[in-house]
């Protein structure tokens, strides 16, 4: 679903952990015979520790980033919006569709054996988080979900499980059955603008895809993303791409207000090298938001500082439909590089632990009219209250790591157009496509071995 400038917030989440029904490797296919199991089929030191996916998209004008995953048997491709601000992965689903939006691919069609029932312990745990008196009245009743976003978009559906073929960095192919949402009723403000088939939930809850893979013993519960300021980038499940040095680490906050979100804890807002006096900001990292949002106090301090800096600069305030606060120059700007010299870096300081620096190029966009606009917005206007969201625009050109094993968040500057170990971007995408073709060919054979 398109999320141009929006922040994604869950109202009700859910899916169920499922068993891995096949693991195979081109190199080990004749050596290892796989069987069904609800636990790890291989210890972590034997299976590939990371699965890597190319990211496509941009902050402006599209307003979303996505990866392509194959789902089902036979596997079919789907484009999923990457979202670290939520747990549930869901796809538009012909179950049948009550209300499905126009999307890149036809809705997935689940079979009757894929349903998750309310008697599942994970489904029960999900509902009791929101209702202490929840009780599964009928063990064969389906497990429903409902998710709502800050812009009032809504997805309703039922939880199912199906095959998620994956290829790891060591060449191993895994085909686990994972739980996700079958969204048969989508209600969005602008249904004609849907450019993805659903959402890839990368939050830290037990219902996330990566958490499920970890419980199956297939990879570490570590997520990394690298979003390029030029568009694209890559996403990784597992810890194989985590650098051994150069990463700024800070503990994940476990306060009740930031539960189930990736938060480094309270921060102080710094403009340039001077404190704004705004402290105790609750910060959340959320790739489900195209832009960055500050609460009212922080936003007012930020916008006041920016305007003060620009009083003697050759920029004039202008109305632009793209964003609320924009300026024009003596001639149209072609890129942020043309204008970033007029603006000042802003930072979020997490005490002595870490500092997250947002340079001008990570909070400015150039619109189709050639104007420059602020990509840091007033969260109060979209109902975020005291939450401060670090969105895609401020996550560009950083390798950001969410290590749920060690309960820490890290970031490091990086050219996100290149994979680690200097692997060429185009070579990687070609290899990814080839791997998916091989994986697709292996899936039927793997099922026959069961």
Protein backbone atom coordinates (compact mmCIF):
# COMPACT_ATOMS: atom_id res chain seq x y z
CA UNK A 1 0.00 0.00 0.00
CA UNK A 2 1.30 3.45 -0.80
CA UNK A 3 2.40 5.42 2.24
CA UNK A 4 3.43 8.76 0.87
CA UNK A 5 4.42 10.72 3.96
CA UNK A 6 2.47 8.56 6.35
CA UNK A 7 3.35 6.83 9.59
CA UNK A 8 2.26 3.25 10.10
CA UNK A 9 0.87 2.37 13.56
CA UNK A 10 -0.63 -0.97 14.56
CA UNK A 11 -3.93 -1.25 16.38
CA UNK A 12 -4.14 -5.04 16.40
CA UNK A 13 -1.43 -7.40 15.22
CA UNK A 14 -1.13 -11.12 14.79
CA UNK A 15 0.10 -14.23 13.10
CA UNK A 16 1.25 -17.65 14.12
CA UNK A 17 4.60 -19.36 14.17
CA UNK A 18 4.71 -22.37 11.92
CA UNK A 19 6.97 -25.28 11.16
CA UNK A 20 9.62 -25.32 8.46
CA UNK A 21 8.67 -28.02 5.99
CA UNK A 22 11.74 -28.07 3.81
CA UNK A 23 15.34 -26.95 3.78
CA UNK A 24 17.54 -27.76 0.83
CA UNK A 25 20.82 -26.59 -0.67
CA UNK A 26 22.16 -27.09 -4.16
CA UNK A 27 25.44 -28.25 -2.64
CA UNK A 28 23.84 -30.50 -0.02
CA UNK A 29 20.75 -31.71 -1.83
CA UNK A 30 22.06 -35.24 -2.21
CA UNK A 31 23.70 -35.33 1.21
CA UNK A 32 20.85 -34.24 3.45
CA UNK A 33 17.33 -35.61 3.50
CA UNK A 34 14.95 -33.15 5.15
CA UNK A 35 11.87 -33.92 7.20
CA UNK A 36 9.10 -31.89 8.75
CA UNK A 37 9.99 -30.29 12.04
CA UNK A 38 8.66 -27.62 14.38
CA UNK A 39 12.20 -26.85 15.53
CA UNK A 40 15.45 -25.98 13.82
CA UNK A 41 16.37 -28.39 11.05
CA UNK A 42 19.98 -27.21 11.12
CA UNK A 43 21.92 -25.38 13.82
CA UNK A 44 22.66 -21.76 13.02
CA UNK A 45 26.28 -22.44 12.16
CA UNK A 46 25.22 -24.76 9.34
CA UNK A 47 22.45 -22.80 7.71
CA UNK A 48 23.08 -19.52 5.86
CA UNK A 49 23.02 -16.79 8.45
CA UNK A 50 21.53 -14.04 6.28
CA UNK A 51 19.04 -13.58 3.50
CA UNK A 52 19.58 -10.40 1.49
CA UNK A 53 17.00 -8.62 -0.67
CA UNK A 54 17.34 -5.66 -3.02
CA UNK A 55 15.27 -2.64 -2.05
CA UNK A 56 13.51 -0.51 -4.63
CA UNK A 57 11.79 2.84 -4.17
CA UNK A 58 12.47 6.38 -2.98
CA UNK A 59 11.25 9.00 -0.53
CA UNK A 60 10.10 11.37 -3.25
CA UNK A 61 8.13 11.18 -5.48
CA UNK A 62 7.03 7.57 -4.79
CA UNK A 63 7.11 7.75 -1.00
CA UNK A 64 7.79 4.09 -0.29
CA UNK A 65 10.47 1.38 -0.32
CA UNK A 66 9.73 -2.26 -1.06
CA UNK A 67 11.30 -5.67 -1.53
CA UNK A 68 10.16 -8.57 -3.69
CA UNK A 69 9.46 -11.83 -1.88
CA UNK A 70 8.20 -15.09 -3.32
CA UNK A 71 5.34 -16.76 -1.46
CA UNK A 72 3.36 -19.96 -1.97
CA UNK A 73 3.73 -23.23 -3.86
CA UNK A 74 4.38 -22.73 -6.68
CA UNK A 75 6.05 -19.51 -5.52
CA UNK A 76 4.86 -16.19 -6.91
CA UNK A 77 6.46 -12.74 -6.48
CA UNK A 78 4.94 -10.00 -4.36
CA UNK A 79 6.07 -6.46 -3.60
CA UNK A 80 6.05 -5.72 0.13
CA UNK A 81 6.41 -2.34 1.79
CA UNK A 82 9.23 -2.63 4.35
CA UNK A 83 8.09 -1.52 7.80
CA UNK A 84 10.19 -1.68 10.97
CA UNK A 85 7.35 0.01 12.85
CA UNK A 86 5.08 -3.04 12.84
CA UNK A 87 5.24 -6.81 13.26
CA UNK A 88 2.62 -8.31 11.00
CA UNK A 89 3.40 -9.19 7.40
CA UNK A 90 0.29 -9.20 5.24
CA UNK A 91 -0.62 -9.60 1.59
CA UNK A 92 -3.75 -8.76 -0.32
CA UNK A 93 -5.64 -12.01 -0.42
CA UNK A 94 -8.40 -13.47 -2.55
CA UNK A 95 -10.25 -15.26 0.22
CA UNK A 96 -12.30 -13.96 -1.63
CA UNK A 97 -11.60 -10.22 -1.66
CA UNK A 98 -14.21 -8.04 -0.01
CA UNK A 99 -12.27 -4.94 -0.93
CA UNK A 100 -8.86 -5.26 -2.61
CA UNK A 101 -6.92 -2.41 -4.16
CA UNK A 102 -5.24 -2.31 -7.53
CA UNK A 103 -1.74 -3.70 -6.92
CA UNK A 104 1.28 -4.90 -8.94
CA UNK A 105 0.27 -8.58 -8.64
CA UNK A 106 -3.00 -10.49 -8.28
CA UNK A 107 -4.01 -11.20 -4.66
CA UNK A 108 -2.60 -14.38 -3.20
CA UNK A 109 -5.07 -17.28 -3.09
CA UNK A 110 -4.69 -19.35 0.10
CA UNK A 111 -5.77 -22.97 0.24
CA UNK A 112 -8.15 -24.33 2.86
CA UNK A 113 -5.31 -25.96 4.80
CA UNK A 114 -3.46 -22.68 5.37
CA UNK A 115 -5.76 -21.16 7.99
CA UNK A 116 -4.48 -20.36 11.47
CA UNK A 117 -7.05 -21.11 14.17
CA UNK A 118 -7.76 -19.22 17.36
CA UNK A 119 -6.69 -22.24 19.44
CA UNK A 120 -3.09 -21.59 18.43
CA UNK A 121 -1.13 -20.34 21.48
CA UNK A 122 0.34 -17.43 19.53
CA UNK A 123 -3.10 -16.29 18.42
CA UNK A 124 -4.29 -16.45 22.02
CA UNK A 125 -1.24 -14.52 23.22
CA UNK A 126 -1.89 -11.90 20.55
CA UNK A 127 -5.46 -11.24 21.59
CA UNK A 128 -4.81 -11.26 25.32
CA UNK A 129 -2.38 -8.37 24.82
CA UNK A 130 -5.42 -6.25 23.98
CA UNK A 131 -8.14 -8.09 25.88
CA UNK A 132 -7.42 -9.75 29.21
CA UNK A 133 -10.68 -11.66 28.93
CA UNK A 134 -10.06 -13.09 25.47
CA UNK A 135 -11.16 -16.68 25.08
CA UNK A 136 -11.16 -18.93 22.05
CA UNK A 137 -14.74 -20.16 22.02
CA UNK A 138 -14.30 -22.58 19.13
CA UNK A 139 -10.89 -24.27 18.53
CA UNK A 140 -11.65 -24.37 14.80
CA UNK A 141 -12.45 -20.68 14.58
CA UNK A 142 -10.12 -18.70 12.35
CA UNK A 143 -7.68 -16.18 13.83
CA UNK A 144 -8.62 -12.75 12.52
CA UNK A 145 -6.51 -9.61 12.46
CA UNK A 146 -7.14 -5.91 12.07
CA UNK A 147 -4.50 -3.25 11.44
CA UNK A 148 -4.96 0.50 11.23
CA UNK A 149 -2.55 3.23 10.19
CA UNK A 150 -2.19 6.84 11.29
CA UNK A 151 -3.80 8.06 8.05
CA UNK A 152 -6.80 5.82 8.87
CA UNK A 153 -5.93 3.19 6.26
CA UNK A 154 -7.14 -0.21 7.43
CA UNK A 155 -6.44 -3.85 6.59
CA UNK A 156 -8.71 -6.65 7.77
CA UNK A 157 -8.14 -10.34 7.27
CA UNK A 158 -7.34 -13.74 8.64
CA UNK A 159 -4.03 -15.33 9.59
CA UNK A 160 -2.64 -18.02 7.29
CA UNK A 161 0.65 -19.81 6.74
CA UNK A 162 2.37 -20.60 3.47
CA UNK A 163 5.78 -21.24 1.93
CA UNK A 164 8.36 -18.42 1.94
CA UNK A 165 11.27 -19.61 -0.24
CA UNK A 166 14.53 -17.92 0.79
CA UNK A 167 18.13 -18.15 -0.34
CA UNK A 168 20.84 -17.44 2.24
CA UNK A 169 24.25 -15.90 1.70
CA UNK A 170 26.01 -19.27 1.86
CA UNK A 171 23.89 -20.67 -0.99
CA UNK A 172 21.47 -22.64 1.19
CA UNK A 173 17.83 -22.57 0.15
CA UNK A 174 15.17 -22.69 2.86
CA UNK A 175 11.46 -23.01 2.31
CA UNK A 176 9.77 -22.45 5.67
CA UNK A 177 6.03 -22.12 6.14
CA UNK A 178 5.51 -18.81 7.88
CA UNK A 179 2.47 -17.08 9.29
CA UNK A 180 1.18 -13.85 7.77
CA UNK A 181 -2.00 -11.90 7.25
CA UNK A 182 -4.37 -12.69 4.41
CA UNK A 183 -5.83 -9.22 3.88
CA UNK A 184 -9.17 -9.54 2.12
CA UNK A 185 -10.52 -6.09 3.07
CA UNK A 186 -8.35 -2.99 2.57
CA UNK A 187 -9.70 0.48 3.26
CA UNK A 188 -7.33 3.25 2.22
CA UNK A 189 -7.84 6.98 1.57
CA UNK A 190 -6.57 6.67 -2.02
CA UNK A 191 -7.06 3.07 -3.23
CA UNK A 192 -5.99 3.86 -6.80
CA UNK A 193 -2.46 4.63 -5.59
CA UNK A 194 -1.55 1.21 -4.16
CA UNK A 195 1.86 0.27 -5.56
CA UNK A 196 2.69 -2.71 -3.36
CA UNK A 197 0.91 -5.96 -2.57
CA UNK A 198 1.14 -5.63 1.20
CA UNK A 199 3.46 -4.93 4.12
CA UNK A 200 6.59 -6.71 5.37
CA UNK A 201 6.47 -6.33 9.16
CA UNK A 202 10.00 -6.12 10.58
CA UNK A 203 9.18 -5.13 14.17
CA UNK A 204 10.57 -6.87 17.25
CA UNK A 205 7.45 -8.84 18.20
CA UNK A 206 7.08 -12.62 18.03
CA UNK A 207 4.79 -12.31 15.03
CA UNK A 208 7.41 -10.87 12.69
CA UNK A 209 8.85 -12.95 9.85
CA UNK A 210 12.41 -12.69 11.19
CA UNK A 211 11.30 -13.72 14.69
CA UNK A 212 9.67 -16.78 13.18
CA UNK A 213 12.84 -17.64 11.25
CA UNK A 214 14.83 -17.33 14.48
CA UNK A 215 12.48 -19.64 16.37
CA UNK A 216 12.94 -22.17 13.57
CA UNK A 217 16.71 -21.89 14.00
CA UNK A 218 17.21 -20.58 10.46
CA UNK A 219 18.76 -17.19 11.19
CA UNK A 220 19.56 -14.76 13.97
CA UNK A 221 16.87 -12.27 14.92
CA UNK A 222 18.83 -9.39 13.42
CA UNK A 223 17.56 -7.01 10.73
CA UNK A 224 19.62 -4.58 8.68
CA UNK A 225 18.57 -2.10 6.05
CA UNK A 226 20.51 0.31 3.89
CA UNK A 227 18.34 2.86 2.07
CA UNK A 228 20.05 4.79 -0.69
CA UNK A 229 19.50 8.50 -1.11
CA UNK A 230 19.58 7.83 -4.86
CA UNK A 231 16.83 5.22 -4.55
CA UNK A 232 17.11 1.52 -3.79
CA UNK A 233 19.38 -0.21 -1.30
CA UNK A 234 19.22 -3.60 0.42
CA UNK A 235 17.57 -5.42 3.33
CA UNK A 236 19.06 -8.31 5.32
CA UNK A 237 17.63 -10.92 7.66
CA UNK A 238 20.39 -12.22 9.96
CA UNK A 239 23.78 -10.97 11.11
CA UNK A 240 26.15 -11.92 8.29
CA UNK A 241 26.37 -8.35 6.99
CA UNK A 242 26.90 -6.67 10.37
CA UNK A 243 30.29 -4.85 10.31
CA UNK A 244 32.81 -5.79 12.97
CA UNK A 245 33.62 -2.11 13.57
CA UNK A 246 32.47 1.41 12.78
CA UNK A 247 28.91 0.96 14.07
CA UNK A 248 27.41 3.31 16.67
CA UNK A 249 25.45 1.10 19.07
CA UNK A 250 22.83 2.05 21.64
CA UNK A 251 20.56 -0.20 23.76
CA UNK A 252 16.96 -0.69 22.74
CA UNK A 253 14.51 1.02 25.07
CA UNK A 254 12.03 -1.24 26.80
CA UNK A 255 9.71 1.41 28.22
CA UNK A 256 5.97 0.78 28.04
CA UNK A 257 5.55 3.73 25.66
CA UNK A 258 7.98 2.27 23.11
CA UNK A 259 7.11 -1.42 23.52
CA UNK A 260 7.14 -3.36 20.23
CA UNK A 261 8.91 -0.49 18.47
CA UNK A 262 12.58 0.07 17.79
CA UNK A 263 13.50 2.90 20.14
CA UNK A 264 16.93 4.00 21.42
CA UNK A 265 15.24 5.70 24.37
CA UNK A 266 14.89 9.40 25.25
CA UNK A 267 16.86 11.93 23.21
CA UNK A 268 17.88 15.58 23.26
CA UNK A 269 17.41 17.69 20.13
CA UNK A 270 20.58 19.44 19.00
CA UNK A 271 20.64 22.00 16.17
CA UNK A 272 24.13 22.27 14.72
CA UNK A 273 26.31 22.10 17.81
CA UNK A 274 23.87 23.78 20.20
CA UNK A 275 21.14 22.18 22.28
CA UNK A 276 17.63 23.41 21.57
CA UNK A 277 16.71 22.74 25.19
CA UNK A 278 14.24 20.08 24.07
CA UNK A 279 14.96 16.86 25.96
CA UNK A 280 13.33 13.53 26.79
CA UNK A 281 12.12 12.90 23.24
CA UNK A 282 10.69 9.42 22.67
CA UNK A 283 12.25 8.36 19.36
CA UNK A 284 11.16 5.44 17.16
CA UNK A 285 12.89 4.16 14.00
CA UNK A 286 10.19 3.42 11.44
CA UNK A 287 10.72 2.60 7.76
CA UNK A 288 6.93 2.59 7.46
CA UNK A 289 7.10 6.39 7.45
CA UNK A 290 8.42 8.22 4.41
CA UNK A 291 9.24 11.33 6.42
CA UNK A 292 10.53 12.19 9.88
CA UNK A 293 8.11 13.57 12.49
CA UNK A 294 8.93 15.62 15.61
CA UNK A 295 6.50 16.33 18.41
CA UNK A 296 5.16 19.86 18.66
CA UNK A 297 7.85 21.20 21.01
CA UNK A 298 10.73 19.72 19.01
CA UNK A 299 9.21 20.74 15.67
CA UNK A 300 8.72 24.34 16.77
CA UNK A 301 12.33 24.52 18.03
CA UNK A 302 13.59 23.02 14.77
CA UNK A 303 11.54 25.17 12.41
CA UNK A 304 12.38 28.32 14.37
CA UNK A 305 16.11 27.57 14.09
CA UNK A 306 15.85 26.87 10.36
CA UNK A 307 13.98 30.07 9.62
CA UNK A 308 16.45 32.09 11.66
CA UNK A 309 19.33 30.61 9.66
CA UNK A 310 17.66 31.45 6.35
CA UNK A 311 16.90 35.12 7.01
CA UNK A 312 19.91 36.26 4.98
CA UNK A 313 19.93 33.42 2.46
CA UNK A 314 18.76 33.72 -1.19
CA UNK A 315 15.66 31.61 -0.55
CA UNK A 316 12.02 32.67 -0.53
CA UNK A 317 9.09 30.89 1.09
CA UNK A 318 6.84 29.27 -1.50
CA UNK A 319 3.72 27.09 -1.50
CA UNK A 320 4.30 23.61 -2.88
CA UNK A 321 1.77 20.78 -2.74
CA UNK A 322 4.50 18.26 -2.00
CA UNK A 323 5.17 19.32 1.62
CA UNK A 324 4.11 22.05 4.09
CA UNK A 325 7.33 24.12 4.35
CA UNK A 326 9.19 24.95 1.14
CA UNK A 327 11.45 27.56 -0.43
CA UNK A 328 12.45 28.55 -3.95
CA UNK A 329 15.74 29.89 -5.22
CA UNK A 330 16.67 32.28 -7.99
CA UNK A 331 16.29 29.31 -10.32
CA UNK A 332 14.89 25.77 -9.85
CA UNK A 333 17.08 23.42 -7.83
CA UNK A 334 18.11 20.16 -9.47
CA UNK A 335 19.25 18.29 -6.37
CA UNK A 336 19.73 18.65 -2.63
CA UNK A 337 23.42 19.19 -3.32
CA UNK A 338 22.51 22.59 -4.81
CA UNK A 339 20.94 23.82 -1.60
CA UNK A 340 22.24 21.86 1.40
CA UNK A 341 24.86 24.55 2.14
CA UNK A 342 22.08 26.85 3.36
CA UNK A 343 20.91 24.36 6.00
CA UNK A 344 22.32 23.00 9.26
CA UNK A 345 22.60 19.39 10.51
CA UNK A 346 20.27 18.41 13.33
CA UNK A 347 21.04 15.64 15.82
CA UNK A 348 19.32 13.44 18.35
CA UNK A 349 21.64 12.89 21.29
CA UNK A 350 21.07 9.80 23.41
CA UNK A 351 23.22 11.02 26.27
CA UNK A 352 26.75 9.68 26.34
CA UNK A 353 25.63 6.53 24.53
CA UNK A 354 25.19 7.73 20.96
CA UNK A 355 24.31 10.58 18.65
CA UNK A 356 22.14 10.24 15.55
CA UNK A 357 23.09 12.98 13.09
CA UNK A 358 20.61 14.09 10.43
CA UNK A 359 22.47 16.15 7.79
CA UNK A 360 20.48 18.48 5.50
CA UNK A 361 20.43 15.89 2.72
CA UNK A 362 18.60 13.57 5.16
CA UNK A 363 15.77 16.01 5.83
CA UNK A 364 15.36 17.93 2.55
CA UNK A 365 13.76 17.02 -0.76
CA UNK A 366 13.69 18.78 -4.13
CA UNK A 367 10.19 18.74 -5.58
CA UNK A 368 9.16 18.40 -9.22
CA UNK A 369 8.84 22.21 -9.24
CA UNK A 370 12.49 22.64 -8.32
CA UNK A 371 11.72 23.88 -4.80
CA UNK A 372 13.39 22.68 -1.61
CA UNK A 373 11.12 21.40 1.18
CA UNK A 374 11.55 20.15 4.74
CA UNK A 375 11.05 16.41 5.19
CA UNK A 376 10.81 16.81 8.97
CA UNK A 377 7.12 17.33 9.73
CA UNK A 378 4.90 18.24 12.67
CA UNK A 379 3.81 14.96 14.27
CA UNK A 380 1.08 16.72 16.21
CA UNK A 381 -0.81 17.27 12.95
CA UNK A 382 -1.07 13.52 12.30
CA UNK A 383 -1.95 12.52 15.85
CA UNK A 384 1.44 11.25 17.02
CA UNK A 385 1.33 13.32 20.21
CA UNK A 386 4.72 12.82 21.96
CA UNK A 387 6.15 10.24 19.55
CA UNK A 388 9.06 11.26 17.34
CA UNK A 389 9.44 9.15 14.21
CA UNK A 390 12.71 8.74 12.32
CA UNK A 391 11.45 7.90 8.84
CA UNK A 392 12.97 6.86 5.53
CA UNK A 393 14.27 10.32 4.62
CA UNK A 394 16.55 10.41 7.68
CA UNK A 395 17.61 6.76 7.37
CA UNK A 396 19.16 7.25 3.93
CA UNK A 397 22.78 6.29 3.31
CA UNK A 398 23.06 4.51 6.64
CA UNK A 399 23.35 0.83 7.43
CA UNK A 400 20.85 0.55 10.29
CA UNK A 401 20.89 -2.65 12.36
CA UNK A 402 18.24 -3.89 14.77
CA UNK A 403 19.89 -6.62 16.83
CA UNK A 404 17.08 -8.29 18.73
CA UNK A 405 19.51 -10.90 20.05
CA UNK A 406 21.58 -8.34 21.95
CA UNK A 407 18.77 -5.79 22.29
CA UNK A 408 20.65 -2.97 20.60
CA UNK A 409 20.29 -0.64 17.63
CA UNK A 410 23.25 0.43 15.53
CA UNK A 411 23.99 2.64 12.54
CA UNK A 412 26.96 3.45 10.34
CA UNK A 413 27.40 5.66 7.24
CA UNK A 414 27.40 3.58 4.06
CA UNK A 415 27.04 3.77 0.31
CA UNK A 416 23.77 1.86 0.13
CA UNK A 417 24.07 1.38 -3.61
CA UNK A 418 26.79 -1.18 -2.92
CA UNK A 419 26.59 -4.36 -0.90
CA UNK A 420 29.27 -5.24 1.66
CA UNK A 421 32.49 -6.77 0.32
CA UNK A 422 32.28 -4.44 -2.71
CA UNK A 423 29.77 -6.58 -4.53
CA UNK A 424 28.50 -4.71 -7.56
CA UNK A 425 24.87 -3.65 -7.25
CA UNK A 426 23.83 -4.77 -10.72
CA UNK A 427 25.67 -8.07 -10.29
CA UNK A 428 23.78 -8.60 -7.05
CA UNK A 429 20.39 -7.97 -8.62
CA UNK A 430 21.24 -10.29 -11.49
CA UNK A 431 22.39 -12.94 -9.02
CA UNK A 432 19.25 -12.42 -6.94
CA UNK A 433 17.04 -12.98 -9.99
CA UNK A 434 19.01 -16.09 -10.95
CA UNK A 435 18.81 -17.44 -7.41
CA UNK A 436 15.06 -16.97 -7.36
CA UNK A 437 14.76 -18.87 -10.64
CA UNK A 438 16.83 -21.73 -9.22
CA UNK A 439 14.88 -21.63 -5.97
CA UNK A 440 11.58 -21.80 -7.85
CA UNK A 441 12.80 -24.85 -9.75
CA UNK A 442 13.87 -26.54 -6.51
CA UNK A 443 10.62 -26.04 -4.64
CA UNK A 444 8.54 -28.82 -6.27
CA UNK A 445 11.43 -31.30 -5.89
CA UNK A 446 11.88 -30.35 -2.25
CA UNK A 447 8.20 -30.99 -1.58
CA UNK A 448 8.39 -34.41 -3.22
CA UNK A 449 11.14 -35.41 -0.79
CA UNK A 450 8.86 -34.91 2.21
